[in-house]
C-alpha atoms as a PDB file:
ATOM      1  CA  MET A   1     100.742 114.121 125.842  1.00  0.00           C
ATOM      2  CA  ASN A   2     100.033 110.411 125.362  1.00  0.00           C
ATOM      3  CA  ASN A   3      96.733 109.071 126.479  1.00  0.00           C
ATOM      4  CA  LYS A   4      96.036 105.718 128.096  1.00  0.00           C
ATOM      5  CA  TYR A   5      92.886 103.973 126.945  1.00  0.00           C
ATOM      6  CA  TYR A   6      90.872 101.769 129.410  1.00  0.00           C
ATOM      7  CA  PHE A   7      88.850  99.234 127.459  1.00  0.00           C
ATOM      8  CA  ILE A   8      85.618  97.513 129.116  1.00  0.00           C
ATOM      9  CA  VAL A   9      84.709  94.484 126.906  1.00  0.00           C
ATOM     10  CA  ASN A  10      81.563  92.403 127.232  1.00  0.00           C
ATOM     11  CA  MET A  11      83.112  89.079 125.900  1.00  0.00           C
ATOM     12  CA  SER A  12      79.532  87.515 125.963  1.00  0.00           C
ATOM     13  CA  GLY A  13      77.584  90.305 124.019  1.00  0.00           C
ATOM     14  CA  GLY A  14      76.309  89.930 120.408  1.00  0.00           C
ATOM     15  CA  SER A  15      76.122  86.249 120.472  1.00  0.00           C
ATOM     16  CA  GLY A  16      79.945  85.901 120.036  1.00  0.00           C
ATOM     17  CA  ARG A  17      80.189  89.018 117.799  1.00  0.00           C
ATOM     18  CA  VAL A  18      82.089  91.007 120.617  1.00  0.00           C
ATOM     19  CA  LYS A  19      84.902  88.459 120.517  1.00  0.00           C
ATOM     20  CA  LYS A  20      85.540  88.676 116.941  1.00  0.00           C
ATOM     21  CA  ILE A  21      85.417  92.562 117.139  1.00  0.00           C
ATOM     22  CA  TRP A  22      87.723  92.850 119.897  1.00  0.00           C
ATOM     23  CA  HIS A  23      90.234  90.537 118.333  1.00  0.00           C
ATOM     24  CA  ARG A  24      90.317  93.027 115.764  1.00  0.00           C
ATOM     25  CA  ILE A  25      90.623  95.978 117.732  1.00  0.00           C
ATOM     26  CA  LYS A  26      93.464  94.351 119.792  1.00  0.00           C
ATOM     27  CA  GLN A  27      95.292  93.929 116.511  1.00  0.00           C
ATOM     28  CA  GLU A  28      94.721  97.583 115.837  1.00  0.00           C
ATOM     29  CA  LEU A  29      95.817  98.930 119.066  1.00  0.00           C
ATOM     30  CA  ASN A  30      98.958  96.917 119.114  1.00  0.00           C
ATOM     31  CA  ALA A  31      99.997  97.804 115.494  1.00  0.00           C
ATOM     32  CA  ARG A  32      99.569 101.543 116.324  1.00  0.00           C
ATOM     33  CA  ASP A  33     101.470 101.022 119.684  1.00  0.00           C
ATOM     34  CA  ILE A  34      98.532 102.473 121.713  1.00  0.00           C
ATOM     35  CA  ASP A  35      98.978 102.495 125.374  1.00  0.00           C
ATOM     36  CA  TYR A  36      95.943 100.648 126.619  1.00  0.00           C
ATOM     37  CA  LYS A  37      94.441  98.319 129.195  1.00  0.00           C
ATOM     38  CA  ALA A  38      91.498  95.975 128.781  1.00  0.00           C
ATOM     39  CA  PHE A  39      88.947  94.673 131.233  1.00  0.00           C
ATOM     40  CA  LYS A  40      86.721  91.736 130.248  1.00  0.00           C
ATOM     41  CA  THR A  41      83.263  91.609 131.767  1.00  0.00           C
ATOM     42  CA  GLU A  42      80.489  89.206 131.461  1.00  0.00           C
ATOM     43  CA  SER A  43      77.969  90.837 133.702  1.00  0.00           C
ATOM     44  CA  ALA A  44      76.271  94.400 133.893  1.00  0.00           C
ATOM     45  CA  GLU A  45      77.314  94.769 137.513  1.00  0.00           C
ATOM     46  CA  HIS A  46      80.856  94.077 136.839  1.00  0.00           C
ATOM     47  CA  ALA A  47      80.868  96.531 134.104  1.00  0.00           C
ATOM     48  CA  LYS A  48      79.419  99.067 136.417  1.00  0.00           C
ATOM     49  CA  ASN A  49      82.034  98.502 139.100  1.00  0.00           C
ATOM     50  CA  LEU A  50      84.788  98.581 136.519  1.00  0.00           C
ATOM     51  CA  ALA A  51      83.737 102.098 135.195  1.00  0.00           C
ATOM     52  CA  TYR A  52      83.345 103.253 138.818  1.00  0.00           C
ATOM     53  CA  LYS A  53      86.846 102.288 139.836  1.00  0.00           C
ATOM     54  CA  LEU A  54      88.568 103.672 136.516  1.00  0.00           C
ATOM     55  CA  SER A  55      86.448 107.038 136.937  1.00  0.00           C
ATOM     56  CA  LYS A  56      88.040 107.382 140.425  1.00  0.00           C
ATOM     57  CA  LEU A  57      91.625 106.992 139.226  1.00  0.00           C
ATOM     58  CA  ASN A  58      93.921 110.040 140.162  1.00  0.00           C
ATOM     59  CA  GLU A  59      94.351 110.979 136.446  1.00  0.00           C
ATOM     60  CA  GLU A  60      93.118 113.533 134.126  1.00  0.00           C
ATOM     61  CA  ASN A  61      91.232 112.776 130.752  1.00  0.00           C
ATOM     62  CA  ILE A  62      90.335 109.159 131.902  1.00  0.00           C
ATOM     63  CA  HIS A  63      89.438 107.375 128.481  1.00  0.00           C
ATOM     64  CA  ILE A  64      86.892 104.788 129.168  1.00  0.00           C
ATOM     65  CA  ILE A  65      85.895 102.781 125.997  1.00  0.00           C
ATOM     66  CA  VAL A  66      83.187 100.351 125.902  1.00  0.00           C
ATOM     67  CA  VAL A  67      83.132  97.440 123.506  1.00  0.00           C
ATOM     68  CA  GLY A  68      79.740  96.028 123.615  1.00  0.00           C
ATOM     69  CA  GLY A  69      76.089  96.817 123.233  1.00  0.00           C
ATOM     70  CA  ASP A  70      73.545  99.125 124.739  1.00  0.00           C
ATOM     71  CA  GLY A  71      73.376  97.252 127.846  1.00  0.00           C
ATOM     72  CA  THR A  72      77.069  97.406 128.674  1.00  0.00           C
ATOM     73  CA  ILE A  73      77.055 100.899 127.613  1.00  0.00           C
ATOM     74  CA  ASN A  74      74.289 101.734 130.309  1.00  0.00           C
ATOM     75  CA  ALA A  75      76.133  99.917 133.057  1.00  0.00           C
ATOM     76  CA  CYS A  76      79.123 101.937 132.466  1.00  0.00           C
ATOM     77  CA  LEU A  77      77.269 105.202 132.426  1.00  0.00           C
ATOM     78  CA  ASN A  78      75.797 104.460 135.741  1.00  0.00           C
ATOM     79  CA  GLY A  79      79.198 103.175 137.172  1.00  0.00           C
ATOM     80  CA  ILE A  80      81.160 106.571 136.186  1.00  0.00           C
ATOM     81  CA  ASN A  81      81.742 108.562 139.566  1.00  0.00           C
ATOM     82  CA  ASP A  82      83.214 111.683 137.911  1.00  0.00           C
ATOM     83  CA  PHE A  83      81.958 112.821 134.570  1.00  0.00           C
ATOM     84  CA  GLU A  84      84.278 115.646 134.406  1.00  0.00           C
ATOM     85  CA  LYS A  85      87.408 113.533 134.148  1.00  0.00           C
ATOM     86  CA  VAL A  86      86.009 110.884 132.121  1.00  0.00           C
ATOM     87  CA  ILE A  87      86.136 110.844 128.174  1.00  0.00           C
ATOM     88  CA  PHE A  88      83.794 108.168 126.873  1.00  0.00           C
ATOM     89  CA  GLY A  89      83.913 105.941 123.726  1.00  0.00           C
ATOM     90  CA  VAL A  90      82.283 103.118 122.163  1.00  0.00           C
ATOM     91  CA  ILE A  91      82.990 100.455 119.666  1.00  0.00           C
ATOM     92  CA  PRO A  92      79.603  99.235 118.912  1.00  0.00           C
ATOM     93  CA  SER A  93      79.066  95.528 119.187  1.00  0.00           C
ATOM     94  CA  GLY A  94      75.661  94.723 120.324  1.00  0.00           C
ATOM     95  CA  SER A  95      72.639  93.595 118.530  1.00  0.00           C
ATOM     96  CA  ALA A  96      70.569  96.847 118.585  1.00  0.00           C
ATOM     97  CA  ASN A  97      73.554  99.546 119.097  1.00  0.00           C
ATOM     98  CA  ASP A  98      71.001 102.527 119.251  1.00  0.00           C
ATOM     99  CA  PHE A  99      73.384 104.385 121.434  1.00  0.00           C
ATOM    100  CA  ALA A 100      75.918 104.492 118.663  1.00  0.00           C
ATOM    101  CA  ARG A 101      73.479 104.932 115.940  1.00  0.00           C
ATOM    102  CA  GLY A 102      72.093 107.931 117.722  1.00  0.00           C
ATOM    103  CA  LEU A 103      75.561 109.511 117.728  1.00  0.00           C
ATOM    104  CA  SER A 104      76.090 108.514 114.130  1.00  0.00           C
ATOM    105  CA  LEU A 105      79.057 106.316 115.094  1.00  0.00           C
ATOM    106  CA  PRO A 106      80.202 104.026 112.252  1.00  0.00           C
ATOM    107  CA  LYS A 107      79.383 100.345 112.303  1.00  0.00           C
ATOM    108  CA  ASP A 108      82.774  99.442 111.241  1.00  0.00           C
ATOM    109  CA  PRO A 109      84.853  98.763 114.653  1.00  0.00           C
ATOM    110  CA  VAL A 110      88.084 100.149 113.201  1.00  0.00           C
ATOM    111  CA  LYS A 111      86.402 103.064 111.962  1.00  0.00           C
ATOM    112  CA  ALA A 112      84.784 103.563 115.429  1.00  0.00           C
ATOM    113  CA  LEU A 113      88.349 103.164 117.101  1.00  0.00           C
ATOM    114  CA  ASP A 114      89.743 105.883 114.839  1.00  0.00           C
ATOM    115  CA  ILE A 115      87.183 108.229 116.455  1.00  0.00           C
ATOM    116  CA  VAL A 116      88.290 107.166 119.724  1.00  0.00           C
ATOM    117  CA  LEU A 117      91.862 107.640 119.121  1.00  0.00           C
ATOM    118  CA  SER A 118      91.670 110.672 117.128  1.00  0.00           C
ATOM    119  CA  GLY A 119      92.783 114.007 118.228  1.00  0.00           C
ATOM    120  CA  LYS A 120      89.441 115.719 117.644  1.00  0.00           C
ATOM    121  CA  PRO A 121      87.878 117.321 120.695  1.00  0.00           C
ATOM    122  CA  TYR A 122      85.127 115.513 122.533  1.00  0.00           C
ATOM    123  CA  LYS A 123      81.557 116.657 122.454  1.00  0.00           C
ATOM    124  CA  LYS A 124      79.522 117.370 125.645  1.00  0.00           C
ATOM    125  CA  ILE A 125      76.340 115.483 125.213  1.00  0.00           C
ATOM    126  CA  ASP A 126      73.164 115.033 127.406  1.00  0.00           C
ATOM    127  CA  ILE A 127      72.158 111.971 129.208  1.00  0.00           C
ATOM    128  CA  GLY A 128      68.836 111.188 130.951  1.00  0.00           C
ATOM    129  CA  GLN A 129      68.229 110.203 134.393  1.00  0.00           C
ATOM    130  CA  ILE A 130      65.203 108.459 136.257  1.00  0.00           C
ATOM    131  CA  THR A 131      64.541 108.792 139.909  1.00  0.00           C
ATOM    132  CA  LEU A 132      62.514 106.326 142.016  1.00  0.00           C
ATOM    133  CA  ASP A 133      62.400 107.422 145.610  1.00  0.00           C
ATOM    134  CA  ASP A 134      66.100 107.765 146.486  1.00  0.00           C
ATOM    135  CA  GLU A 135      67.205 105.639 143.703  1.00  0.00           C
ATOM    136  CA  LYS A 136      68.786 107.229 140.651  1.00  0.00           C
ATOM    137  CA  ARG A 137      69.617 105.514 137.220  1.00  0.00           C
ATOM    138  CA  LEU A 138      71.116 106.968 134.033  1.00  0.00           C
ATOM    139  CA  PHE A 139      70.228 106.245 130.523  1.00  0.00           C
ATOM    140  CA  GLY A 140      71.939 107.294 127.102  1.00  0.00           C
ATOM    141  CA  ILE A 141      69.147 106.376 124.765  1.00  0.00           C
ATOM    142  CA  SER A 142      65.784 106.238 126.339  1.00  0.00           C
ATOM    143  CA  SER A 143      63.579 105.366 129.229  1.00  0.00           C
ATOM    144  CA  GLY A 144      59.891 104.486 128.932  1.00  0.00           C
ATOM    145  CA  ILE A 145      56.970 102.863 130.458  1.00  0.00           C
ATOM    146  CA  GLY A 146      54.215 100.744 128.906  1.00  0.00           C
ATOM    147  CA  LEU A 147      54.714  98.877 125.465  1.00  0.00           C
ATOM    148  CA  ASP A 148      58.373  99.785 124.804  1.00  0.00           C
ATOM    149  CA  ALA A 149      59.293  98.759 128.284  1.00  0.00           C
ATOM    150  CA  ILE A 150      57.375  95.400 128.112  1.00  0.00           C
ATOM    151  CA  VAL A 151      59.197  94.685 124.787  1.00  0.00           C
ATOM    152  CA  CYS A 152      62.569  95.500 126.336  1.00  0.00           C
ATOM    153  CA  LYS A 153      61.897  93.217 129.293  1.00  0.00           C
ATOM    154  CA  LYS A 154      61.089  90.216 127.096  1.00  0.00           C
ATOM    155  CA  ALA A 155      63.940  90.726 124.937  1.00  0.00           C
ATOM    156  CA  LEU A 156      66.368  90.389 127.839  1.00  0.00           C
ATOM    157  CA  THR A 157      65.453  86.555 127.833  1.00  0.00           C
ATOM    158  CA  SER A 158      63.855  86.095 124.424  1.00  0.00           C
ATOM    159  CA  LYS A 159      64.950  82.978 122.512  1.00  0.00           C
ATOM    160  CA  ILE A 160      64.063  84.763 119.392  1.00  0.00           C
ATOM    161  CA  LYS A 161      66.572  87.488 120.037  1.00  0.00           C
ATOM    162  CA  ASN A 162      69.334  84.643 120.468  1.00  0.00           C
ATOM    163  CA  VAL A 163      68.458  82.916 117.118  1.00  0.00           C
ATOM    164  CA  LEU A 164      68.335  86.382 115.214  1.00  0.00           C
ATOM    165  CA  ASN A 165      71.569  87.625 116.571  1.00  0.00           C
ATOM    166  CA  LYS A 166      73.311  84.694 115.131  1.00  0.00           C
ATOM    167  CA  VAL A 167      72.133  85.363 111.685  1.00  0.00           C
ATOM    168  CA  GLY A 168      72.847  89.081 112.247  1.00  0.00           C
ATOM    169  CA  LEU A 169      69.107  90.223 112.466  1.00  0.00           C
ATOM    170  CA  GLY A 170      68.975  90.958 116.273  1.00  0.00           C
ATOM    171  CA  SER A 171      67.302  94.271 115.809  1.00  0.00           C
ATOM    172  CA  LEU A 172      64.091  92.563 114.300  1.00  0.00           C
ATOM    173  CA  THR A 173      63.517  90.890 117.835  1.00  0.00           C
ATOM    174  CA  TYR A 174      61.879  94.201 119.033  1.00  0.00           C
ATOM    175  CA  LEU A 175      59.481  94.408 116.086  1.00  0.00           C
ATOM    176  CA  ILE A 176      58.344  90.783 116.407  1.00  0.00           C
ATOM    177  CA  LEU A 177      57.945  91.196 120.351  1.00  0.00           C
ATOM    178  CA  THR A 178      56.148  94.676 119.702  1.00  0.00           C
ATOM    179  CA  VAL A 179      53.387  93.010 117.773  1.00  0.00           C
ATOM    180  CA  ILE A 180      53.082  90.003 120.248  1.00  0.00           C
ATOM    181  CA  SER A 181      53.106  92.349 123.322  1.00  0.00           C
ATOM    182  CA  LEU A 182      50.684  95.067 121.846  1.00  0.00           C
ATOM    183  CA  PHE A 183      47.775  92.575 121.960  1.00  0.00           C
ATOM    184  CA  THR A 184      48.439  91.114 125.219  1.00  0.00           C
ATOM    185  CA  MET A 185      49.053  94.248 127.422  1.00  0.00           C
ATOM    186  CA  ASP A 186      46.668  96.153 129.230  1.00  0.00           C
ATOM    187  CA  TYR A 187      45.900  99.868 128.651  1.00  0.00           C
ATOM    188  CA  ILE A 188      47.777 102.274 131.241  1.00  0.00           C
ATOM    189  CA  ASP A 189      45.838 105.070 132.958  1.00  0.00           C
ATOM    190  CA  THR A 190      48.575 107.688 133.369  1.00  0.00           C
ATOM    191  CA  GLU A 191      49.151 111.221 134.555  1.00  0.00           C
ATOM    192  CA  ILE A 192      52.405 112.947 133.254  1.00  0.00           C
ATOM    193  CA  ASP A 193      53.477 116.461 134.636  1.00  0.00           C
ATOM    194  CA  ILE A 194      55.789 118.285 132.118  1.00  0.00           C
ATOM    195  CA  TYR A 195      58.365 120.639 133.289  1.00  0.00           C
ATOM    196  CA  ASP A 196      60.265 123.372 131.388  1.00  0.00           C
ATOM    197  CA  GLU A 197      63.998 124.340 131.610  1.00  0.00           C
ATOM    198  CA  GLU A 198      63.328 126.373 134.749  1.00  0.00           C
ATOM    199  CA  ASP A 199      61.663 123.542 136.574  1.00  0.00           C
ATOM    200  CA  ASN A 200      58.126 125.109 136.316  1.00  0.00           C
ATOM    201  CA  LEU A 201      55.296 122.859 135.550  1.00  0.00           C
ATOM    202  CA  SER A 202      54.043 123.715 132.281  1.00  0.00           C
ATOM    203  CA  GLU A 203      51.321 120.830 131.376  1.00  0.00           C
ATOM    204  CA  THR A 204      49.746 117.972 132.822  1.00  0.00           C
ATOM    205  CA  LEU A 205      48.616 115.105 130.639  1.00  0.00           C
ATOM    206  CA  ARG A 206      45.862 112.866 131.793  1.00  0.00           C
ATOM    207  CA  LEU A 207      45.880 109.952 129.605  1.00  0.00           C
ATOM    208  CA  LYS A 208      43.031 107.299 130.227  1.00  0.00           C
ATOM    209  CA  LYS A 209      44.187 104.467 127.520  1.00  0.00           C
ATOM    210  CA  MET A 210      47.893 104.914 127.125  1.00  0.00           C
ATOM    211  CA  ILE A 211      49.921 102.317 125.286  1.00  0.00           C
ATOM    212  CA  PHE A 212      53.410 103.724 125.988  1.00  0.00           C
ATOM    213  CA  ALA A 213      55.367 106.858 126.664  1.00  0.00           C
ATOM    214  CA  ALA A 214      59.023 106.842 125.496  1.00  0.00           C
ATOM    215  CA  PHE A 215      61.532 109.453 126.743  1.00  0.00           C
ATOM    216  CA  MET A 216      64.240 109.767 124.097  1.00  0.00           C
ATOM    217  CA  ASN A 217      67.701 111.176 124.440  1.00  0.00           C
ATOM    218  CA  VAL A 218      68.450 110.062 120.648  1.00  0.00           C
ATOM    219  CA  ARG A 219      65.957 109.595 117.926  1.00  0.00           C
ATOM    220  CA  ALA A 220      65.711 105.671 117.984  1.00  0.00           C
ATOM    221  CA  GLU A 221      65.250 102.701 120.352  1.00  0.00           C
ATOM    222  CA  GLY A 222      64.567  98.986 120.054  1.00  0.00           C
ATOM    223  CA  GLY A 223      67.036  98.431 117.082  1.00  0.00           C
ATOM    224  CA  GLY A 224      66.512 101.658 115.232  1.00  0.00           C
ATOM    225  CA  VAL A 225      62.722 102.480 115.604  1.00  0.00           C
ATOM    226  CA  PRO A 226      62.620 106.180 115.399  1.00  0.00           C
ATOM    227  CA  MET A 227      60.428 107.194 118.321  1.00  0.00           C
ATOM    228  CA  ALA A 228      61.573 110.783 118.187  1.00  0.00           C
ATOM    229  CA  PRO A 229      62.796 111.778 114.831  1.00  0.00           C
ATOM    230  CA  ASP A 230      63.924 115.114 115.857  1.00  0.00           C
ATOM    231  CA  ALA A 231      65.384 114.317 119.150  1.00  0.00           C
ATOM    232  CA  SER A 232      68.926 115.752 119.975  1.00  0.00           C
ATOM    233  CA  TYR A 233      71.363 114.370 122.248  1.00  0.00           C
ATOM    234  CA  ASP A 234      72.729 118.018 123.103  1.00  0.00           C
ATOM    235  CA  ASP A 235      69.758 120.399 123.369  1.00  0.00           C
ATOM    236  CA  GLY A 236      69.252 119.908 127.176  1.00  0.00           C
ATOM    237  CA  LYS A 237      65.722 118.320 126.671  1.00  0.00           C
ATOM    238  CA  LEU A 238      64.147 114.779 126.094  1.00  0.00           C
ATOM    239  CA  SER A 239      61.899 114.170 123.112  1.00  0.00           C
ATOM    240  CA  ILE A 240      58.734 112.277 124.463  1.00  0.00           C
ATOM    241  CA  CYS A 241      56.542 109.999 122.121  1.00  0.00           C
ATOM    242  CA  ILE A 242      53.327 109.193 123.643  1.00  0.00           C
ATOM    243  CA  ALA A 243      50.552 106.792 122.212  1.00  0.00           C
ATOM    244  CA  SER A 244      47.145 106.910 123.922  1.00  0.00           C
ATOM    245  CA  ASP A 245      43.503 106.931 123.111  1.00  0.00           C
ATOM    246  CA  ILE A 246      44.109 104.686 120.254  1.00  0.00           C
ATOM    247  CA  SER A 247      42.797 101.052 119.514  1.00  0.00           C
ATOM    248  CA  LYS A 248      45.315  98.228 119.442  1.00  0.00           C
ATOM    249  CA  ILE A 249      44.246  97.448 116.016  1.00  0.00           C
ATOM    250  CA  SER A 250      44.825 100.748 114.858  1.00  0.00           C
ATOM    251  CA  ALA A 251      48.140 101.113 116.456  1.00  0.00           C
ATOM    252  CA  PHE A 252      49.261  97.839 114.803  1.00  0.00           C
ATOM    253  CA  THR A 253      48.227  98.929 111.395  1.00  0.00           C
ATOM    254  CA  LYS A 254      50.093 102.245 112.015  1.00  0.00           C
ATOM    255  CA  LEU A 255      53.498 100.559 113.097  1.00  0.00           C
ATOM    256  CA  PRO A 256      54.719 100.965 109.474  1.00  0.00           C
ATOM    257  CA  LEU A 257      54.136 104.822 109.918  1.00  0.00           C
ATOM    258  CA  LEU A 258      56.286 104.810 113.265  1.00  0.00           C
ATOM    259  CA  VAL A 259      59.102 102.953 111.603  1.00  0.00           C
ATOM    260  CA  MET A 260      59.049 105.493 108.844  1.00  0.00           C
ATOM    261  CA  ALA A 261      59.104 108.219 111.467  1.00  0.00           C
ATOM    262  CA  LYS A 262      55.779 109.495 110.467  1.00  0.00           C
ATOM    263  CA  GLN A 263      54.030 109.862 113.966  1.00  0.00           C
ATOM    264  CA  GLU A 264      52.660 113.247 112.980  1.00  0.00           C
ATOM    265  CA  LYS A 265      50.399 111.332 110.745  1.00  0.00           C
ATOM    266  CA  ILE A 266      48.876 108.888 113.328  1.00  0.00           C
ATOM    267  CA  LYS A 267      46.017 109.938 115.370  1.00  0.00           C
ATOM    268  CA  GLY A 268      46.541 109.211 119.012  1.00  0.00           C
ATOM    269  CA  PHE A 269      50.454 109.661 118.940  1.00  0.00           C
ATOM    270  CA  ARG A 270      51.976 112.741 120.373  1.00  0.00           C
ATOM    271  CA  LEU A 271      55.402 114.300 120.299  1.00  0.00           C
ATOM    272  CA  LEU A 272      56.658 116.785 122.825  1.00  0.00           C
ATOM    273  CA  ASP A 273      59.871 117.975 124.465  1.00  0.00           C
ATOM    274  CA  ALA A 274      60.582 118.362 128.061  1.00  0.00           C
ATOM    275  CA  LYS A 275      63.504 119.126 130.549  1.00  0.00           C
ATOM    276  CA  LYS A 276      61.695 116.849 133.152  1.00  0.00           C
ATOM    277  CA  ALA A 277      58.598 114.851 133.591  1.00  0.00           C
ATOM    278  CA  ILE A 278      56.776 113.000 136.462  1.00  0.00           C
ATOM    279  CA  ILE A 279      54.834 109.912 135.495  1.00  0.00           C
ATOM    280  CA  LYS A 280      52.149 108.681 137.972  1.00  0.00           C
ATOM    281  CA  VAL A 281      50.147 105.314 136.809  1.00  0.00           C
ATOM    282  CA  LYS A 282      47.226 103.633 138.830  1.00  0.00           C
ATOM    283  CA  GLU A 283      48.706 100.221 138.683  1.00  0.00           C
ATOM    284  CA  PRO A 284      52.472  99.174 138.731  1.00  0.00           C
ATOM    285  CA  SER A 285      53.743  99.336 135.121  1.00  0.00           C
ATOM    286  CA  VAL A 286      57.005  98.055 133.503  1.00  0.00           C
ATOM    287  CA  LEU A 287      59.740 100.646 133.253  1.00  0.00           C
ATOM    288  CA  HIS A 288      63.051 100.283 131.269  1.00  0.00           C
ATOM    289  CA  SER A 289      66.196 102.236 131.065  1.00  0.00           C
ATOM    290  CA  ASP A 290      68.241 101.697 127.898  1.00  0.00           C
ATOM    291  CA  GLY A 291      66.305  98.552 127.413  1.00  0.00           C
ATOM    292  CA  GLU A 292      67.077  97.126 130.773  1.00  0.00           C
ATOM    293  CA  TYR A 293      64.246  96.367 132.962  1.00  0.00           C
ATOM    294  CA  VAL A 294      63.878  98.612 135.935  1.00  0.00           C
ATOM    295  CA  GLY A 295      60.777  97.476 137.728  1.00  0.00           C
ATOM    296  CA  ASP A 296      57.064  97.657 137.723  1.00  0.00           C
ATOM    297  CA  GLU A 297      56.484 101.155 139.055  1.00  0.00           C
ATOM    298  CA  THR A 298      53.657 103.691 139.918  1.00  0.00           C
ATOM    299  CA  LYS A 299      55.603 106.798 139.920  1.00  0.00           C
ATOM    300  CA  VAL A 300      58.837 107.747 138.253  1.00  0.00           C
ATOM    301  CA  THR A 301      60.714 111.215 137.522  1.00  0.00           C
ATOM    302  CA  ILE A 302      62.440 111.363 134.235  1.00  0.00           C
ATOM    303  CA  GLU A 303      64.852 114.330 133.411  1.00  0.00           C
ATOM    304  CA  CYS A 304      67.686 115.310 131.092  1.00  0.00           C
ATOM    305  CA  LEU A 305      71.154 116.018 132.552  1.00  0.00           C
ATOM    306  CA  SER A 306      72.260 118.467 129.995  1.00  0.00           C
ATOM    307  CA  ASN A 307      75.984 118.407 128.492  1.00  0.00           C
ATOM    308  CA  ILE A 308      77.139 116.105 131.160  1.00  0.00           C
ATOM    309  CA  LEU A 309      78.947 113.206 129.113  1.00  0.00           C
ATOM    310  CA  ASN A 310      82.417 114.007 127.253  1.00  0.00           C
ATOM    311  CA  MET A 311      81.880 111.768 124.421  1.00  0.00           C
ATOM    312  CA  LYS A 312      84.241 110.746 121.536  1.00  0.00           C
ATOM    313  CA  CYS A 313      81.793 111.052 118.450  1.00  0.00           C
END
């Protein structure tokens, strides 16, 4: 049976890179006589609405393919109405591409397209969910509170990112902003309740001088920083990386170890897995979801939705 493919294309992404990639993809689709329809979007809300409408089509096996970066992917994940019907694919075209990297998707757009069009079965992968009061939001890469969230918020409007994107070094944005933000942020007094697969409270962490807590669905965020080297996108758990009770100078000097995925050698860093966690902080702190600013929050529930996304990877 022939499939129809629906492409959501962020034409403003990647500082012009997406336009070039989409031109190449269109040539391949036409040359292979593929039945497809493309929707061009320049805002996250539009992408979310498109994914919502497509996932409600009266069809089976609705192939939704994102041509864009992690922000567009996140918007589309949050728009999907029925995960059972949707088969999701990605042509990585952003500056960081952490979602694609976490799934070992090829950087070359035509090779990524080959995976989308292949007859190989999709994989069922986990995605994360944050809950704020009655509001829920999904993420494919990570969510976090503290330093990594502050960096993500700054990166959304960073002139540094725009400059580095133009020379193909956009992922360095996050490293530069991390160093700057580390010394200007305040420590966070935090309490984190950790829950197991049966939704039982297994541990409560009380952290007086936390720098960040990152909840990872894949191993890396921020342009490839391996926050959770052993994270797996299909194990039904989130991998959590926490930095606390460490001076800012010490954290700065240990950044190379973090980049080399040697967290176990850094005093003050902790790695653990959890099905769900509830984070409570005394003062409103920056929260992100896949690098998108969510808000300044005092309480959030973060959990893993196991094997929910049908992914071509």
